Protein backbone atom coordinates (compact mmCIF):
# COMPACT_ATOMS: atom_id res chain seq x y z
CA MET A 1 24.62 -0.63 33.87
CA VAL A 2 23.95 2.80 35.62
CA TYR A 3 26.90 5.17 35.10
CA GLY A 4 27.83 7.87 37.56
CA ALA A 5 27.19 10.81 35.07
CA ALA A 6 23.53 9.67 34.84
CA ILE A 7 23.02 10.20 38.70
CA TRP A 8 25.73 12.68 39.63
CA PRO A 9 26.08 15.65 40.40
CA ALA A 10 22.67 16.41 41.77
CA THR A 11 21.43 19.23 43.96
CA LEU A 12 18.16 18.99 46.07
CA GLU A 13 16.27 21.94 47.63
CA CYS A 14 13.58 22.51 50.07
CA GLY A 15 12.84 26.07 51.32
CA ASP A 16 16.12 27.38 52.68
CA LEU A 17 17.57 23.89 53.10
CA SER A 18 19.67 22.26 50.35
CA LEU A 19 21.70 19.19 49.58
CA ARG A 20 24.60 19.95 47.30
CA PRO A 21 27.69 18.01 46.18
CA ILE A 22 30.62 18.14 48.63
CA ARG A 23 33.61 20.13 47.31
CA TYR A 24 37.41 20.58 48.00
CA ARG A 25 36.77 24.24 48.80
CA ASP A 26 34.36 23.18 51.62
CA ARG A 27 37.36 22.23 53.67
CA HIS A 28 37.74 25.23 55.99
CA GLU A 29 34.01 25.63 56.71
CA TRP A 30 33.61 21.85 57.02
CA MET A 31 36.60 21.58 59.55
CA ALA A 32 35.32 24.58 61.57
CA VAL A 33 31.87 23.10 61.85
CA ARG A 34 33.28 19.75 62.91
CA ARG A 35 35.71 21.26 65.52
CA ARG A 36 32.75 23.26 67.09
CA ASN A 37 30.79 20.00 67.21
CA ALA A 38 33.57 17.61 68.31
CA ARG A 39 32.04 16.68 71.58
CA TRP A 40 28.48 16.42 69.98
CA LEU A 41 29.63 14.05 67.25
CA GLU A 42 32.46 12.00 68.94
CA PRO A 43 30.38 9.18 70.34
CA TRP A 44 28.98 8.29 67.01
CA GLU A 45 32.17 8.82 64.81
CA ALA A 46 33.32 6.07 62.64
CA SER A 47 36.83 4.70 63.34
CA ASN A 48 39.45 2.46 62.00
CA PRO A 49 40.12 -0.86 63.63
CA ALA A 50 43.34 -1.34 61.68
CA PRO A 51 46.63 -0.83 63.44
CA GLY A 52 47.18 2.87 63.71
CA GLY A 53 43.68 3.68 63.24
CA TYR A 54 44.23 5.94 60.29
CA LEU A 55 41.42 8.11 58.86
CA PRO A 56 41.60 9.97 55.67
CA ALA A 57 42.18 13.78 55.71
CA PHE A 58 39.32 15.94 54.30
CA SER A 59 40.86 16.04 50.64
CA GLU A 60 41.15 12.35 50.65
CA MET A 61 37.65 11.93 51.87
CA VAL A 62 36.45 14.11 49.16
CA ARG A 63 38.47 12.34 46.47
CA SER A 64 37.13 9.03 47.57
CA LEU A 65 33.47 10.20 47.77
CA LYS A 66 33.88 11.79 44.40
CA HIS A 67 35.23 8.60 42.84
CA GLN A 68 32.31 6.65 44.38
CA ALA A 69 29.88 9.05 42.95
CA ARG A 70 31.36 8.63 39.48
CA MET A 71 31.05 4.94 39.83
CA ALA A 72 27.27 5.34 40.82
CA MET A 73 28.06 3.75 44.28
CA ALA A 74 27.56 6.96 46.49
CA LEU A 75 25.72 10.41 46.57
CA PRO A 76 27.96 12.66 48.89
CA TRP A 77 26.11 15.81 49.91
CA ILE A 78 26.81 18.77 52.05
CA ILE A 79 23.71 20.03 53.94
CA THR A 80 23.41 23.77 53.72
CA GLU A 81 20.88 26.36 54.92
CA LEU A 82 20.29 30.00 53.86
CA GLN A 83 20.16 31.86 57.27
CA GLN A 84 18.66 35.18 58.01
CA GLY A 85 21.12 38.07 57.43
CA GLN A 86 23.75 35.83 55.70
CA PRO A 87 24.96 36.39 52.10
CA LYS A 88 25.43 32.64 51.23
CA PRO A 89 24.04 29.38 52.67
CA ALA A 90 25.83 28.07 55.67
CA LEU A 91 27.29 24.51 55.88
CA ILE A 92 25.45 22.76 58.74
CA GLY A 93 25.91 19.18 58.09
CA GLN A 94 26.65 16.25 55.72
CA LEU A 95 24.53 13.44 54.28
CA THR A 96 25.90 10.58 52.29
CA VAL A 97 23.98 7.86 50.58
CA SER A 98 26.51 4.90 50.17
CA SER A 99 26.61 1.28 49.35
CA ILE A 100 24.45 1.75 46.46
CA THR A 101 23.60 -1.66 44.94
CA TRP A 102 21.93 -1.83 41.56
CA GLY A 103 20.52 -5.00 39.82
CA SER A 104 18.08 -7.12 41.84
CA ALA A 105 18.60 -5.29 45.03
CA MET A 106 18.27 -1.61 44.18
CA SER A 107 19.15 -0.57 47.68
CA ALA A 108 21.45 2.04 49.53
CA THR A 109 22.52 3.05 52.94
CA LEU A 110 22.22 6.58 54.22
CA GLY A 111 24.26 8.31 57.00
CA TYR A 112 24.32 11.92 58.14
CA TRP A 113 25.36 14.46 60.85
CA VAL A 114 24.03 17.93 61.70
CA ASP A 115 25.46 20.77 63.47
CA GLN A 116 24.20 20.82 67.19
CA ALA A 117 23.23 24.39 66.88
CA CYS A 118 20.57 23.44 64.24
CA ALA A 119 19.36 20.36 66.10
CA GLY A 120 15.71 20.10 66.89
CA ARG A 121 14.34 22.02 63.91
CA GLY A 122 13.48 19.31 61.66
CA ILE A 123 16.68 19.62 59.53
CA ALA A 124 17.78 16.15 59.69
CA PRO A 125 14.53 14.52 58.92
CA THR A 126 13.93 16.93 56.01
CA ALA A 127 17.34 16.14 54.54
CA VAL A 128 16.91 12.42 54.83
CA ALA A 129 13.41 12.63 53.41
CA MET A 130 14.78 14.74 50.38
CA ALA A 131 17.52 12.11 49.71
CA THR A 132 15.37 9.19 50.06
CA ASP A 133 12.65 10.63 47.59
CA HIS A 134 15.66 11.27 45.13
CA CYS A 135 16.86 7.78 45.34
CA PHE A 136 13.32 6.35 45.03
CA GLN A 137 11.81 8.67 42.58
CA THR A 138 14.68 9.72 40.35
CA LEU A 139 17.16 6.90 40.55
CA GLY A 140 14.57 4.06 40.96
CA LEU A 141 15.99 2.60 44.01
CA HIS A 142 13.83 0.31 46.01
CA ARG A 143 15.24 0.26 49.62
CA MET A 144 16.85 2.66 51.89
CA GLU A 145 18.58 1.67 55.17
CA ILE A 146 19.81 3.67 58.12
CA ASN A 147 22.00 2.08 60.86
CA ILE A 148 21.99 3.88 64.30
CA ARG A 149 23.63 3.23 67.62
CA PRO A 150 20.96 2.30 70.29
CA GLU A 151 22.26 5.08 72.41
CA ASN A 152 21.90 7.76 69.89
CA ARG A 153 18.39 9.10 70.72
CA ALA A 154 18.63 12.11 68.49
CA SER A 155 19.07 10.10 65.35
CA LEU A 156 16.46 7.36 66.58
CA ARG A 157 14.04 10.23 66.71
CA VAL A 158 14.80 11.06 63.02
CA VAL A 159 13.88 7.63 61.82
CA GLU A 160 10.94 7.55 64.23
CA LYS A 161 9.59 10.75 62.86
CA LEU A 162 9.93 9.50 59.17
CA GLY A 163 8.33 6.17 59.78
CA PHE A 164 11.46 3.93 58.99
CA ARG A 165 10.81 0.32 60.16
CA ASP A 166 13.08 -1.15 62.95
CA GLU A 167 14.51 -4.25 61.37
CA GLY A 168 16.45 -5.30 64.54
CA LEU A 169 19.75 -5.16 66.19
CA ARG A 170 23.16 -5.88 64.49
CA PRO A 171 25.59 -6.74 67.10
CA ARG A 172 29.12 -5.11 66.73
CA TYR A 173 28.16 -3.88 63.30
CA LEU A 174 30.40 -1.03 62.85
CA HIS A 175 33.59 0.40 64.43
CA ILE A 176 32.56 3.56 66.22
CA ASN A 177 34.74 5.73 68.56
CA GLY A 178 37.32 3.17 69.04
CA ALA A 179 35.13 -0.03 69.31
CA TRP A 180 33.01 -2.45 67.58
CA ALA A 181 29.47 -1.22 68.47
CA ASP A 182 25.91 -2.51 68.15
CA HIS A 183 23.50 -0.81 65.67
CA ARG A 184 19.84 -0.87 65.05
CA SER A 185 18.86 -1.13 61.42
CA PHE A 186 15.95 0.79 60.09
CA ALA A 187 14.65 0.69 56.47
CA LEU A 188 11.93 1.90 54.17
CA THR A 189 10.89 0.83 50.77
CA ALA A 190 9.43 2.79 47.77
CA GLU A 191 6.11 1.13 48.22
CA GLU A 192 5.67 2.51 51.78
CA VAL A 193 5.82 6.08 50.46
CA PRO A 194 4.07 6.12 47.16
CA GLY A 195 3.39 9.95 47.56
CA GLY A 196 7.02 10.66 48.62
CA LEU A 197 8.58 10.73 52.09
CA LEU A 198 9.24 14.41 52.03
CA ALA A 199 5.52 15.33 51.38
CA ARG A 200 4.39 13.07 54.18
CA TRP A 201 6.96 14.56 56.48
CA LEU A 202 6.10 18.09 55.75
CA GLU A 203 2.37 17.38 56.09
CA HIS A 204 2.57 15.51 59.37
CA GLY A 205 5.95 16.62 61.01
CA ASP A 206 6.57 19.52 63.35
CA VAL A 207 9.12 21.26 60.82
CA GLY A 208 10.60 24.51 61.82
CA LEU A 209 12.02 25.43 58.38
CA THR A 210 11.64 28.54 56.51
CA PRO A 211 9.22 27.59 53.57
């Protein structure tokens, strides 16, 4: 049995980029970034198919994620970047490793979003690589999965750059932006990146991050 205290909290860093645990006091900054990116994120937003379509408020979301982390079921991170001329790192996105399964599967699913203003600089691939390496090398997980809408070209480029395998289409897999939507599933196993995914990405990728 793996307990939450053994895997969480955890903070990961690569240059000016970091993944740190989400906090209640992130509310104002998180909501400001989300409002600014509403049109950018709306087509890919998870929705609730139940009557009324209720989605949790920020505090409820954080409470649920923290509980999942304590139960060793999730790793809820905020993506931050130390930007030039700023006294503290800016919140520029969110990355959550969820559906962690131990035992014979040793697998997880990863999801993320990034501020549109930071798109195209290698931030999403770097964050995904950091999280995947942590899961493989520190937690001992074996398989990471990412599910993406076929129309989401930006996210498809992320998994393409990182070398995730396309495992095919999942019809009507998740409820997105008010409807059941098809997704393509991509996966990577630990054996495929023996030297680490981040190292491979930094060596071969076009990364515009401050070292």
